Amino acid sequence: MTTPSIARAPLPSLPQSKAKPTLRDELLARRRGLDDTARRLADAAIAERVLAWCAAAGIASLGVYHPIRREPDLLSAYNALTAQGVHLSLPVVTDNNAPLMFRRWIPGDVLEKDALGTLTPTSTAAQVHPQALLVPCLGFSAERYRLGYGGGFYDRTLAETPRPLAVGVCHAFGLVEFAGEAHDIALDLVLTDQGQWGRPDEIVRTQAPSIIPSS
């Protein structure tokens, strides 16, 4: 695939912070409102950036995710990475207050439901400690803090030592401002359909992402 061209631009001003529950509701509604064409284009753009980043970073083992709630579907990238010899794994919830466990997965393998009803590899699949994780985000801040569904599973996983590289995956409209909490751990990078976020003082993108306005 051809990596989309990107250009550097100054960091935009962000709106006043909103409460996380409000942001979750707004972002879920916006994601549900994407039509099929817009969704496919966004998924394809993110998949290209995932492949480009994995190649540049020399990723050999990657924890991925099975999409829920209309998260970006990156199966095309998973298939390509598997063909390139990258070992993939999927997260498994073992306890509501525990970090995620990862089990080896190849696209097409049989999946079963974990404690939260998410599709995961079977219990016979090997447990692994991936070099890097693709972390689905409902939203993200300019400092690369993740807004998820509130379970804290990825925060607990990234708090472990040694921690894997953590790359957020999100639609560009997920850029929002919210107050960080003590348990929040910044992602190393965030990939969107419009570009990628690196350091908090620098944005790399194709065009200015949409930001949910403050009320």
N, C-alpha and C. Protein backbone atom coordinates (compact mmCIF):
# COMPACT_ATOMS: atom_id res chain seq x y z
N MET A 1 0.82 -1.19 0.00
CA MET A 1 0.00 0.00 0.00
C MET A 1 0.86 1.25 0.00
N THR A 2 0.33 2.36 -0.52
CA THR A 2 1.04 3.61 -0.54
C THR A 2 0.70 4.41 0.70
N THR A 3 1.72 4.84 1.46
CA THR A 3 1.48 5.59 2.66
C THR A 3 0.97 6.98 2.32
N PRO A 4 -0.13 7.45 2.93
CA PRO A 4 -0.64 8.77 2.63
C PRO A 4 0.40 9.84 2.94
N SER A 5 0.44 10.88 2.09
CA SER A 5 1.37 11.97 2.35
C SER A 5 0.91 12.72 3.59
N ILE A 6 1.87 13.23 4.35
CA ILE A 6 1.55 13.96 5.57
C ILE A 6 2.34 15.25 5.59
N ALA A 7 1.83 16.22 6.28
CA ALA A 7 2.50 17.51 6.38
C ALA A 7 2.47 17.96 7.83
N ARG A 8 3.45 18.75 8.21
CA ARG A 8 3.53 19.24 9.57
C ARG A 8 2.76 20.53 9.70
N ALA A 9 2.16 20.71 10.86
CA ALA A 9 1.40 21.92 11.11
C ALA A 9 1.43 22.22 12.60
N PRO A 10 1.22 23.48 13.00
CA PRO A 10 1.25 23.80 14.42
C PRO A 10 0.09 23.15 15.16
N LEU A 11 0.28 22.96 16.45
CA LEU A 11 -0.75 22.35 17.29
C LEU A 11 -1.95 23.29 17.38
N PRO A 12 -3.17 22.81 17.11
CA PRO A 12 -4.33 23.68 17.19
C PRO A 12 -4.73 23.96 18.63
N SER A 13 -5.49 25.03 18.82
CA SER A 13 -6.05 25.31 20.14
C SER A 13 -7.19 24.34 20.40
N LEU A 14 -7.27 23.81 21.61
CA LEU A 14 -8.30 22.86 21.97
C LEU A 14 -9.41 23.54 22.75
N PRO A 15 -10.64 23.02 22.66
CA PRO A 15 -11.74 23.62 23.41
C PRO A 15 -11.63 23.33 24.89
N GLN A 16 -12.46 23.98 25.67
CA GLN A 16 -12.49 23.75 27.10
C GLN A 16 -12.82 22.29 27.39
N SER A 17 -12.19 21.76 28.42
CA SER A 17 -12.37 20.36 28.76
C SER A 17 -13.81 20.03 29.11
N LYS A 18 -14.24 18.81 28.73
CA LYS A 18 -15.55 18.29 29.09
C LYS A 18 -15.37 17.07 29.99
N ALA A 19 -16.43 16.70 30.67
CA ALA A 19 -16.39 15.50 31.49
C ALA A 19 -16.32 14.28 30.58
N LYS A 20 -15.62 13.26 31.03
CA LYS A 20 -15.44 12.06 30.21
C LYS A 20 -16.75 11.39 29.81
N PRO A 21 -17.73 11.24 30.74
CA PRO A 21 -18.99 10.61 30.30
C PRO A 21 -19.66 11.36 29.17
N THR A 22 -19.62 12.69 29.20
CA THR A 22 -20.21 13.48 28.12
C THR A 22 -19.48 13.24 26.82
N LEU A 23 -18.15 13.25 26.87
CA LEU A 23 -17.35 13.00 25.67
C LEU A 23 -17.63 11.61 25.11
N ARG A 24 -17.73 10.62 25.97
CA ARG A 24 -18.00 9.26 25.50
C ARG A 24 -19.31 9.20 24.72
N ASP A 25 -20.33 9.80 25.28
CA ASP A 25 -21.64 9.78 24.61
C ASP A 25 -21.56 10.47 23.25
N GLU A 26 -20.90 11.62 23.19
CA GLU A 26 -20.82 12.37 21.95
C GLU A 26 -20.00 11.64 20.89
N LEU A 27 -18.89 11.06 21.31
CA LEU A 27 -18.03 10.36 20.36
C LEU A 27 -18.67 9.07 19.86
N LEU A 28 -19.34 8.35 20.75
CA LEU A 28 -20.05 7.14 20.31
C LEU A 28 -21.13 7.50 19.30
N ALA A 29 -21.85 8.58 19.55
CA ALA A 29 -22.89 9.01 18.61
C ALA A 29 -22.29 9.40 17.27
N ARG A 30 -21.16 10.09 17.31
CA ARG A 30 -20.54 10.50 16.06
C ARG A 30 -20.01 9.30 15.28
N ARG A 31 -19.48 8.32 16.00
CA ARG A 31 -18.98 7.12 15.32
C ARG A 31 -20.14 6.33 14.71
N ARG A 32 -21.25 6.23 15.44
CA ARG A 32 -22.42 5.54 14.90
C ARG A 32 -22.96 6.25 13.68
N GLY A 33 -22.77 7.57 13.60
CA GLY A 33 -23.31 8.35 12.50
C GLY A 33 -22.51 8.29 11.22
N LEU A 34 -21.32 7.67 11.25
CA LEU A 34 -20.53 7.54 10.02
C LEU A 34 -21.26 6.66 9.02
N ASP A 35 -21.39 7.13 7.77
CA ASP A 35 -21.99 6.25 6.77
C ASP A 35 -20.96 5.22 6.31
N ASP A 36 -21.42 4.21 5.58
CA ASP A 36 -20.55 3.09 5.22
C ASP A 36 -19.34 3.53 4.40
N THR A 37 -19.54 4.49 3.49
CA THR A 37 -18.43 4.95 2.66
C THR A 37 -17.38 5.66 3.50
N ALA A 38 -17.81 6.57 4.35
CA ALA A 38 -16.87 7.29 5.21
C ALA A 38 -16.13 6.33 6.14
N ARG A 39 -16.85 5.34 6.63
CA ARG A 39 -16.23 4.38 7.53
C ARG A 39 -15.17 3.55 6.81
N ARG A 40 -15.48 3.09 5.60
CA ARG A 40 -14.51 2.28 4.85
C ARG A 40 -13.26 3.10 4.52
N LEU A 41 -13.45 4.36 4.13
CA LEU A 41 -12.30 5.20 3.80
C LEU A 41 -11.43 5.45 5.03
N ALA A 42 -12.06 5.71 6.16
CA ALA A 42 -11.30 5.93 7.39
C ALA A 42 -10.54 4.67 7.79
N ASP A 43 -11.21 3.52 7.73
CA ASP A 43 -10.55 2.26 8.09
C ASP A 43 -9.34 1.99 7.20
N ALA A 44 -9.50 2.23 5.89
CA ALA A 44 -8.40 1.99 4.95
C ALA A 44 -7.22 2.90 5.23
N ALA A 45 -7.49 4.18 5.54
CA ALA A 45 -6.41 5.13 5.82
C ALA A 45 -5.66 4.75 7.09
N ILE A 46 -6.40 4.34 8.12
CA ILE A 46 -5.74 3.93 9.37
C ILE A 46 -4.94 2.65 9.14
N ALA A 47 -5.49 1.71 8.39
CA ALA A 47 -4.77 0.45 8.10
C ALA A 47 -3.45 0.73 7.41
N GLU A 48 -3.42 1.68 6.46
CA GLU A 48 -2.18 2.02 5.78
C GLU A 48 -1.15 2.58 6.75
N ARG A 49 -1.60 3.41 7.67
CA ARG A 49 -0.67 3.99 8.63
C ARG A 49 -0.15 2.94 9.61
N VAL A 50 -1.00 2.00 9.98
CA VAL A 50 -0.55 0.91 10.85
C VAL A 50 0.55 0.11 10.15
N LEU A 51 0.33 -0.24 8.90
CA LEU A 51 1.34 -1.01 8.17
C LEU A 51 2.64 -0.23 8.02
N ALA A 52 2.53 1.06 7.72
CA ALA A 52 3.74 1.88 7.55
C ALA A 52 4.50 1.98 8.87
N TRP A 53 3.78 2.17 9.96
CA TRP A 53 4.45 2.29 11.26
C TRP A 53 5.11 0.97 11.66
N CYS A 54 4.42 -0.13 11.49
CA CYS A 54 5.00 -1.44 11.84
C CYS A 54 6.28 -1.69 11.05
N ALA A 55 6.28 -1.35 9.76
CA ALA A 55 7.48 -1.55 8.93
C ALA A 55 8.62 -0.66 9.41
N ALA A 56 8.31 0.61 9.70
CA ALA A 56 9.35 1.55 10.12
C ALA A 56 9.92 1.19 11.49
N ALA A 57 9.07 0.68 12.38
CA ALA A 57 9.49 0.37 13.75
C ALA A 57 10.03 -1.05 13.89
N GLY A 58 9.96 -1.84 12.83
CA GLY A 58 10.46 -3.22 12.90
C GLY A 58 9.67 -4.09 13.86
N ILE A 59 8.36 -3.95 13.84
CA ILE A 59 7.50 -4.70 14.77
C ILE A 59 7.41 -6.16 14.34
N ALA A 60 7.70 -7.08 15.27
CA ALA A 60 7.63 -8.50 14.99
C ALA A 60 6.47 -9.18 15.72
N SER A 61 5.98 -8.54 16.80
CA SER A 61 4.90 -9.11 17.61
C SER A 61 3.97 -7.98 18.01
N LEU A 62 2.69 -8.10 17.63
CA LEU A 62 1.76 -6.98 17.80
C LEU A 62 0.46 -7.45 18.44
N GLY A 63 0.08 -6.83 19.53
CA GLY A 63 -1.23 -7.05 20.11
C GLY A 63 -2.25 -6.18 19.39
N VAL A 64 -3.29 -6.79 18.85
CA VAL A 64 -4.28 -6.05 18.07
C VAL A 64 -5.62 -6.13 18.80
N TYR A 65 -6.72 -5.81 18.14
CA TYR A 65 -8.02 -5.84 18.80
C TYR A 65 -9.09 -6.27 17.80
N HIS A 66 -10.14 -6.87 18.33
CA HIS A 66 -11.30 -7.21 17.53
C HIS A 66 -12.29 -6.07 17.68
N PRO A 67 -12.71 -5.40 16.59
CA PRO A 67 -13.50 -4.18 16.72
C PRO A 67 -14.89 -4.40 17.33
N ILE A 68 -15.25 -3.49 18.23
CA ILE A 68 -16.60 -3.45 18.80
C ILE A 68 -17.09 -2.01 18.71
N ARG A 69 -18.38 -1.81 18.78
CA ARG A 69 -18.98 -0.47 18.81
C ARG A 69 -18.48 0.40 17.65
N ARG A 70 -18.33 -0.20 16.49
CA ARG A 70 -17.93 0.51 15.26
C ARG A 70 -16.53 1.11 15.35
N GLU A 71 -15.64 0.45 16.11
CA GLU A 71 -14.23 0.83 16.11
C GLU A 71 -13.65 0.57 14.72
N PRO A 72 -12.55 1.26 14.35
CA PRO A 72 -11.92 1.00 13.05
C PRO A 72 -11.64 -0.49 12.85
N ASP A 73 -12.06 -1.02 11.71
CA ASP A 73 -11.86 -2.43 11.37
C ASP A 73 -10.57 -2.53 10.56
N LEU A 74 -9.55 -3.15 11.14
CA LEU A 74 -8.22 -3.21 10.52
C LEU A 74 -7.85 -4.61 10.05
N LEU A 75 -8.86 -5.41 9.71
CA LEU A 75 -8.58 -6.79 9.30
C LEU A 75 -7.65 -6.84 8.09
N SER A 76 -7.78 -5.89 7.17
CA SER A 76 -6.89 -5.89 6.00
C SER A 76 -5.44 -5.74 6.43
N ALA A 77 -5.19 -4.89 7.42
CA ALA A 77 -3.82 -4.73 7.92
C ALA A 77 -3.37 -5.99 8.66
N TYR A 78 -4.27 -6.61 9.43
CA TYR A 78 -3.90 -7.84 10.14
C TYR A 78 -3.51 -8.94 9.15
N ASN A 79 -4.27 -9.06 8.08
CA ASN A 79 -3.94 -10.07 7.07
C ASN A 79 -2.58 -9.80 6.45
N ALA A 80 -2.32 -8.52 6.14
CA ALA A 80 -1.03 -8.16 5.52
C ALA A 80 0.12 -8.41 6.49
N LEU A 81 -0.06 -8.05 7.76
CA LEU A 81 1.01 -8.26 8.74
C LEU A 81 1.29 -9.75 8.93
N THR A 82 0.23 -10.57 8.99
CA THR A 82 0.42 -12.01 9.12
C THR A 82 1.21 -12.55 7.93
N ALA A 83 0.89 -12.09 6.73
CA ALA A 83 1.62 -12.53 5.53
C ALA A 83 3.08 -12.12 5.57
N GLN A 84 3.37 -11.04 6.29
CA GLN A 84 4.75 -10.56 6.42
C GLN A 84 5.51 -11.26 7.55
N GLY A 85 4.82 -12.12 8.29
CA GLY A 85 5.46 -12.86 9.37
C GLY A 85 5.36 -12.22 10.73
N VAL A 86 4.57 -11.16 10.87
CA VAL A 86 4.37 -10.54 12.18
C VAL A 86 3.42 -11.40 13.01
N HIS A 87 3.77 -11.68 14.25
CA HIS A 87 2.94 -12.48 15.14
C HIS A 87 1.90 -11.57 15.79
N LEU A 88 0.63 -11.92 15.64
CA LEU A 88 -0.46 -11.14 16.20
C LEU A 88 -1.04 -11.83 17.43
N SER A 89 -1.63 -11.03 18.29
CA SER A 89 -2.32 -11.57 19.47
C SER A 89 -3.51 -10.67 19.79
N LEU A 90 -4.47 -11.22 20.52
CA LEU A 90 -5.66 -10.49 20.93
C LEU A 90 -5.75 -10.44 22.45
N PRO A 91 -6.32 -9.36 23.00
CA PRO A 91 -6.44 -9.25 24.46
C PRO A 91 -7.56 -10.12 25.02
N VAL A 92 -7.35 -10.55 26.25
CA VAL A 92 -8.34 -11.35 26.98
C VAL A 92 -8.52 -10.73 28.36
N VAL A 93 -9.77 -10.49 28.75
CA VAL A 93 -10.06 -10.01 30.10
C VAL A 93 -10.10 -11.21 31.04
N THR A 94 -9.24 -11.20 32.05
CA THR A 94 -9.22 -12.31 33.02
C THR A 94 -9.91 -11.94 34.32
N ASP A 95 -9.94 -10.63 34.61
CA ASP A 95 -10.58 -10.13 35.83
C ASP A 95 -10.86 -8.65 35.63
N ASN A 96 -11.91 -8.15 36.25
CA ASN A 96 -12.28 -6.74 36.06
C ASN A 96 -11.22 -5.77 36.55
N ASN A 97 -10.34 -6.20 37.45
CA ASN A 97 -9.32 -5.31 38.01
C ASN A 97 -7.91 -5.72 37.62
N ALA A 98 -7.78 -6.57 36.62
CA ALA A 98 -6.46 -7.07 36.21
C ALA A 98 -6.05 -6.49 34.86
N PRO A 99 -4.74 -6.48 34.58
CA PRO A 99 -4.29 -6.10 33.24
C PRO A 99 -4.80 -7.12 32.22
N LEU A 100 -4.76 -6.74 30.97
CA LEU A 100 -5.16 -7.66 29.91
C LEU A 100 -4.10 -8.73 29.70
N MET A 101 -4.54 -9.91 29.35
CA MET A 101 -3.65 -10.98 28.91
C MET A 101 -3.79 -11.07 27.39
N PHE A 102 -2.72 -11.46 26.71
CA PHE A 102 -2.76 -11.57 25.25
C PHE A 102 -2.47 -13.02 24.83
N ARG A 103 -3.29 -13.49 23.89
CA ARG A 103 -3.11 -14.84 23.35
C ARG A 103 -2.88 -14.76 21.84
N ARG A 104 -2.01 -15.64 21.39
CA ARG A 104 -1.63 -15.70 19.97
C ARG A 104 -2.87 -15.86 19.10
N TRP A 105 -2.89 -15.15 17.97
CA TRP A 105 -4.05 -15.19 17.08
C TRP A 105 -3.61 -15.01 15.64
N ILE A 106 -4.21 -15.80 14.76
CA ILE A 106 -4.04 -15.66 13.32
C ILE A 106 -5.42 -15.40 12.73
N PRO A 107 -5.56 -14.39 11.85
CA PRO A 107 -6.88 -14.14 11.26
C PRO A 107 -7.50 -15.42 10.70
N GLY A 108 -8.73 -15.66 11.07
CA GLY A 108 -9.42 -16.89 10.67
C GLY A 108 -9.52 -17.91 11.78
N ASP A 109 -8.70 -17.76 12.84
CA ASP A 109 -8.79 -18.68 13.97
C ASP A 109 -10.16 -18.57 14.65
N VAL A 110 -10.59 -19.66 15.24
CA VAL A 110 -11.84 -19.67 16.00
C VAL A 110 -11.69 -18.76 17.21
N LEU A 111 -12.74 -17.99 17.50
CA LEU A 111 -12.75 -17.10 18.66
C LEU A 111 -13.86 -17.49 19.62
N GLU A 112 -13.68 -17.14 20.89
CA GLU A 112 -14.70 -17.35 21.91
C GLU A 112 -14.86 -16.07 22.71
N LYS A 113 -15.90 -15.98 23.53
CA LYS A 113 -16.16 -14.77 24.29
C LYS A 113 -15.46 -14.81 25.65
N ASP A 114 -14.85 -13.63 26.03
CA ASP A 114 -14.21 -13.56 27.34
C ASP A 114 -15.22 -13.12 28.39
N ALA A 115 -14.74 -12.71 29.56
CA ALA A 115 -15.62 -12.37 30.68
C ALA A 115 -16.53 -11.19 30.38
N LEU A 116 -16.15 -10.34 29.45
CA LEU A 116 -16.97 -9.18 29.09
C LEU A 116 -17.75 -9.39 27.80
N GLY A 117 -17.67 -10.59 27.23
CA GLY A 117 -18.40 -10.87 26.00
C GLY A 117 -17.66 -10.47 24.74
N THR A 118 -16.38 -10.10 24.86
CA THR A 118 -15.58 -9.75 23.70
C THR A 118 -14.99 -11.01 23.08
N LEU A 119 -14.91 -11.06 21.76
CA LEU A 119 -14.35 -12.23 21.08
C LEU A 119 -12.84 -12.29 21.28
N THR A 120 -12.34 -13.45 21.71
CA THR A 120 -10.93 -13.65 22.00
C THR A 120 -10.48 -15.02 21.50
N PRO A 121 -9.16 -15.25 21.42
CA PRO A 121 -8.68 -16.59 21.08
C PRO A 121 -9.12 -17.61 22.13
N THR A 122 -9.13 -18.86 21.76
CA THR A 122 -9.51 -19.92 22.70
C THR A 122 -8.45 -20.08 23.77
N SER A 123 -8.81 -20.75 24.84
CA SER A 123 -7.89 -20.93 25.98
C SER A 123 -6.68 -21.79 25.63
N THR A 124 -6.72 -22.48 24.50
CA THR A 124 -5.58 -23.30 24.08
C THR A 124 -4.53 -22.48 23.33
N ALA A 125 -4.86 -21.24 22.94
CA ALA A 125 -3.90 -20.40 22.22
C ALA A 125 -2.80 -19.96 23.18
N ALA A 126 -1.58 -19.86 22.68
CA ALA A 126 -0.44 -19.52 23.52
C ALA A 126 -0.55 -18.11 24.08
N GLN A 127 -0.19 -17.97 25.35
CA GLN A 127 -0.13 -16.64 25.96
C GLN A 127 1.17 -15.97 25.53
N VAL A 128 1.09 -14.69 25.16
CA VAL A 128 2.27 -13.97 24.67
C VAL A 128 2.36 -12.61 25.34
N HIS A 129 3.56 -12.01 25.23
CA HIS A 129 3.80 -10.64 25.70
C HIS A 129 4.25 -9.83 24.49
N PRO A 130 3.31 -9.19 23.78
CA PRO A 130 3.66 -8.54 22.52
C PRO A 130 4.63 -7.37 22.69
N GLN A 131 5.38 -7.16 21.63
CA GLN A 131 6.33 -6.05 21.59
C GLN A 131 5.60 -4.70 21.59
N ALA A 132 4.45 -4.66 20.93
CA ALA A 132 3.69 -3.42 20.80
C ALA A 132 2.20 -3.74 20.79
N LEU A 133 1.39 -2.74 21.13
CA LEU A 133 -0.06 -2.90 21.15
C LEU A 133 -0.71 -1.86 20.25
N LEU A 134 -1.74 -2.27 19.52
CA LEU A 134 -2.67 -1.33 18.91
C LEU A 134 -3.81 -1.15 19.90
N VAL A 135 -4.02 0.07 20.34
CA VAL A 135 -4.99 0.34 21.40
C VAL A 135 -6.16 1.13 20.81
N PRO A 136 -7.34 0.55 20.71
CA PRO A 136 -8.48 1.29 20.18
C PRO A 136 -8.89 2.41 21.12
N CYS A 137 -9.12 3.59 20.56
CA CYS A 137 -9.48 4.76 21.36
C CYS A 137 -10.84 5.28 20.92
N LEU A 138 -11.67 5.61 21.88
CA LEU A 138 -12.89 6.34 21.57
C LEU A 138 -12.54 7.80 21.29
N GLY A 139 -11.58 8.32 22.06
CA GLY A 139 -11.05 9.66 21.85
C GLY A 139 -9.63 9.72 22.37
N PHE A 140 -8.96 10.86 22.17
CA PHE A 140 -7.61 11.06 22.66
C PHE A 140 -7.36 12.55 22.83
N SER A 141 -6.42 12.87 23.71
CA SER A 141 -6.08 14.27 23.95
C SER A 141 -4.79 14.62 23.21
N ALA A 142 -4.48 15.92 23.19
CA ALA A 142 -3.25 16.38 22.54
C ALA A 142 -2.01 15.79 23.20
N GLU A 143 -2.15 15.41 24.48
CA GLU A 143 -1.02 14.79 25.20
C GLU A 143 -0.97 13.28 25.00
N ARG A 144 -1.84 12.76 24.15
CA ARG A 144 -1.90 11.34 23.79
C ARG A 144 -2.48 10.48 24.92
N TYR A 145 -3.28 11.09 25.79
CA TYR A 145 -4.02 10.30 26.76
C TYR A 145 -5.25 9.72 26.07
N ARG A 146 -5.58 8.50 26.42
CA ARG A 146 -6.66 7.78 25.77
C ARG A 146 -7.97 7.95 26.51
N LEU A 147 -9.04 8.13 25.73
CA LEU A 147 -10.39 8.07 26.27
C LEU A 147 -10.99 6.76 25.78
N GLY A 148 -11.23 5.84 26.71
CA GLY A 148 -11.83 4.56 26.36
C GLY A 148 -13.24 4.46 26.91
N TYR A 149 -13.65 3.25 27.25
CA TYR A 149 -15.01 3.04 27.74
C TYR A 149 -15.11 3.09 29.26
N GLY A 150 -13.98 3.31 29.93
CA GLY A 150 -14.01 3.50 31.37
C GLY A 150 -13.60 2.30 32.20
N GLY A 151 -13.23 1.19 31.55
CA GLY A 151 -12.87 -0.01 32.31
C GLY A 151 -11.46 0.01 32.88
N GLY A 152 -10.55 0.80 32.29
CA GLY A 152 -9.19 0.91 32.79
C GLY A 152 -8.28 -0.24 32.43
N PHE A 153 -8.72 -1.13 31.53
CA PHE A 153 -7.92 -2.32 31.23
C PHE A 153 -6.58 -1.98 30.58
N TYR A 154 -6.59 -1.06 29.63
CA TYR A 154 -5.33 -0.72 28.96
C TYR A 154 -4.41 0.08 29.88
N ASP A 155 -4.96 0.95 30.74
CA ASP A 155 -4.11 1.67 31.70
C ASP A 155 -3.39 0.68 32.60
N ARG A 156 -4.10 -0.33 33.10
CA ARG A 156 -3.46 -1.32 33.96
C ARG A 156 -2.42 -2.13 33.20
N THR A 157 -2.71 -2.41 31.93
CA THR A 157 -1.77 -3.17 31.11
C THR A 157 -0.50 -2.37 30.86
N LEU A 158 -0.64 -1.07 30.59
CA LEU A 158 0.53 -0.24 30.30
C LEU A 158 1.30 0.13 31.56
N ALA A 159 0.71 -0.08 32.71
CA ALA A 159 1.40 0.20 33.97
C ALA A 159 2.39 -0.90 34.33
N GLU A 160 2.31 -2.03 33.63
CA GLU A 160 3.21 -3.15 33.92
C GLU A 160 4.62 -2.84 33.42
N THR A 161 5.60 -3.50 34.01
CA THR A 161 7.00 -3.35 33.62
C THR A 161 7.57 -4.71 33.20
N PRO A 162 8.24 -4.78 32.03
CA PRO A 162 8.37 -3.72 31.04
C PRO A 162 7.06 -3.54 30.26
N ARG A 163 6.80 -2.33 29.82
CA ARG A 163 5.56 -2.06 29.09
C ARG A 163 5.82 -2.12 27.60
N PRO A 164 4.85 -2.61 26.84
CA PRO A 164 5.00 -2.62 25.38
C PRO A 164 4.82 -1.21 24.81
N LEU A 165 5.28 -1.00 23.60
CA LEU A 165 4.94 0.22 22.88
C LEU A 165 3.42 0.27 22.73
N ALA A 166 2.84 1.44 22.85
CA ALA A 166 1.39 1.57 22.79
C ALA A 166 1.01 2.59 21.72
N VAL A 167 0.32 2.11 20.68
CA VAL A 167 -0.08 2.96 19.56
C VAL A 167 -1.60 3.03 19.53
N GLY A 168 -2.14 4.21 19.77
CA GLY A 168 -3.57 4.40 19.73
C GLY A 168 -4.10 4.39 18.31
N VAL A 169 -5.32 3.92 18.15
CA VAL A 169 -6.03 3.91 16.87
C VAL A 169 -7.35 4.62 17.08
N CYS A 170 -7.61 5.67 16.29
CA CYS A 170 -8.81 6.47 16.53
C CYS A 170 -9.20 7.23 15.27
N HIS A 171 -10.48 7.54 15.14
CA HIS A 171 -10.89 8.48 14.11
C HIS A 171 -10.37 9.87 14.49
N ALA A 172 -10.05 10.68 13.47
CA ALA A 172 -9.47 11.99 13.74
C ALA A 172 -10.41 12.88 14.53
N PHE A 173 -11.72 12.68 14.40
CA PHE A 173 -12.64 13.52 15.17
C PHE A 173 -12.62 13.18 16.65
N GLY A 174 -11.88 12.15 17.03
CA GLY A 174 -11.76 11.79 18.43
C GLY A 174 -10.81 12.67 19.21
N LEU A 175 -10.16 13.63 18.57
CA LEU A 175 -9.29 14.56 19.29
C LEU A 175 -10.15 15.47 20.17
N VAL A 176 -10.01 15.34 21.48
CA VAL A 176 -10.81 16.10 22.44
C VAL A 176 -9.92 16.52 23.59
N GLU A 177 -10.44 17.38 24.41
CA GLU A 177 -9.71 17.82 25.60
C GLU A 177 -10.44 17.31 26.83
N PHE A 178 -9.69 16.69 27.74
CA PHE A 178 -10.28 16.23 28.99
C PHE A 178 -9.22 16.23 30.07
N ALA A 179 -9.64 16.30 31.29
CA ALA A 179 -8.70 16.34 32.41
C ALA A 179 -8.11 14.95 32.63
N GLY A 180 -6.78 14.88 32.68
CA GLY A 180 -6.12 13.62 32.95
C GLY A 180 -6.29 13.21 34.40
N GLU A 181 -6.17 11.91 34.63
CA GLU A 181 -6.27 11.38 35.98
C GLU A 181 -4.96 10.68 36.33
N ALA A 182 -4.78 10.40 37.62
CA ALA A 182 -3.51 9.86 38.10
C ALA A 182 -3.14 8.56 37.41
N HIS A 183 -4.16 7.75 37.04
CA HIS A 183 -3.87 6.44 36.46
C HIS A 183 -3.65 6.50 34.94
N ASP A 184 -3.90 7.66 34.32
CA ASP A 184 -3.77 7.77 32.87
C ASP A 184 -2.31 7.65 32.45
N ILE A 185 -2.06 6.88 31.40
CA ILE A 185 -0.71 6.70 30.86
C ILE A 185 -0.73 7.10 29.39
N ALA A 186 0.15 8.01 29.01
CA ALA A 186 0.16 8.51 27.64
C ALA A 186 0.57 7.40 26.66
N LEU A 187 -0.09 7.38 25.51
CA LEU A 187 0.29 6.48 24.44
C LEU A 187 1.56 7.00 23.77
N ASP A 188 2.29 6.11 23.11
CA ASP A 188 3.50 6.53 22.41
C ASP A 188 3.19 7.25 21.10
N LEU A 189 2.07 6.91 20.50
CA LEU A 189 1.69 7.46 19.21
C LEU A 189 0.19 7.23 19.04
N VAL A 190 -0.47 8.10 18.29
CA VAL A 190 -1.87 7.89 17.94
C VAL A 190 -2.01 7.99 16.42
N LEU A 191 -2.55 6.95 15.79
CA LEU A 191 -2.77 6.92 14.36
C LEU A 191 -4.25 7.15 14.07
N THR A 192 -4.54 8.09 13.17
CA THR A 192 -5.92 8.38 12.78
C THR A 192 -6.04 8.31 11.27
N ASP A 193 -7.26 8.50 10.78
CA ASP A 193 -7.47 8.49 9.34
C ASP A 193 -6.91 9.73 8.67
N GLN A 194 -6.57 10.76 9.45
CA GLN A 194 -6.04 11.98 8.87
C GLN A 194 -4.57 12.20 9.17
N GLY A 195 -3.95 11.36 9.94
CA GLY A 195 -2.53 11.53 10.24
C GLY A 195 -2.14 10.83 11.52
N GLN A 196 -1.09 11.35 12.17
CA GLN A 196 -0.62 10.73 13.40
C GLN A 196 -0.17 11.78 14.38
N TRP A 197 -0.37 11.48 15.66
CA TRP A 197 0.06 12.35 16.74
C TRP A 197 1.28 11.74 17.39
N GLY A 198 2.35 12.56 17.50
CA GLY A 198 3.55 12.11 18.20
C GLY A 198 3.69 12.88 19.50
N ARG A 199 4.74 13.72 19.59
CA ARG A 199 4.95 14.50 20.80
C ARG A 199 3.79 15.47 21.01
N PRO A 200 3.51 15.84 22.28
CA PRO A 200 2.37 16.71 22.53
C PRO A 200 2.50 18.10 21.93
N ASP A 201 3.72 18.53 21.56
CA ASP A 201 3.90 19.86 20.97
C ASP A 201 3.98 19.80 19.46
N GLU A 202 3.65 18.65 18.87
CA GLU A 202 3.78 18.51 17.42
C GLU A 202 2.66 17.62 16.90
N ILE A 203 2.05 18.02 15.81
CA ILE A 203 1.04 17.19 15.16
C ILE A 203 1.49 16.94 13.73
N VAL A 204 1.32 15.70 13.26
CA VAL A 204 1.61 15.34 11.89
C VAL A 204 0.30 14.86 11.29
N ARG A 205 -0.19 15.54 10.27
CA ARG A 205 -1.51 15.20 9.77
C ARG A 205 -1.66 15.66 8.32
N THR A 206 -2.72 15.21 7.67
CA THR A 206 -3.00 15.65 6.32
C THR A 206 -3.84 16.91 6.33
N GLN A 207 -4.70 17.07 7.34
CA GLN A 207 -5.50 18.27 7.49
C GLN A 207 -5.96 18.36 8.92
N ALA A 208 -6.45 19.53 9.33
CA ALA A 208 -6.83 19.71 10.72
C ALA A 208 -7.95 18.78 11.11
N PRO A 209 -7.77 17.96 12.15
CA PRO A 209 -8.85 17.07 12.58
C PRO A 209 -9.99 17.86 13.20
N SER A 210 -11.19 17.29 13.10
CA SER A 210 -12.34 17.90 13.74
C SER A 210 -12.25 17.69 15.24
N ILE A 211 -12.66 18.66 16.02
CA ILE A 211 -12.64 18.58 17.47
C ILE A 211 -14.04 18.84 17.98
N ILE A 212 -14.52 18.01 18.90
CA ILE A 212 -15.84 18.24 19.46
C ILE A 212 -15.83 19.57 20.19
N PRO A 213 -16.71 20.50 19.84
CA PRO A 213 -16.70 21.81 20.48
C PRO A 213 -17.17 21.74 21.91
N SER A 214 -16.70 22.69 22.71
CA SER A 214 -17.16 22.76 24.09
C SER A 214 -18.53 23.37 24.13
N SER A 215 -19.29 23.00 25.16
CA SER A 215 -20.64 23.54 25.29
C SER A 215 -20.63 24.77 26.19
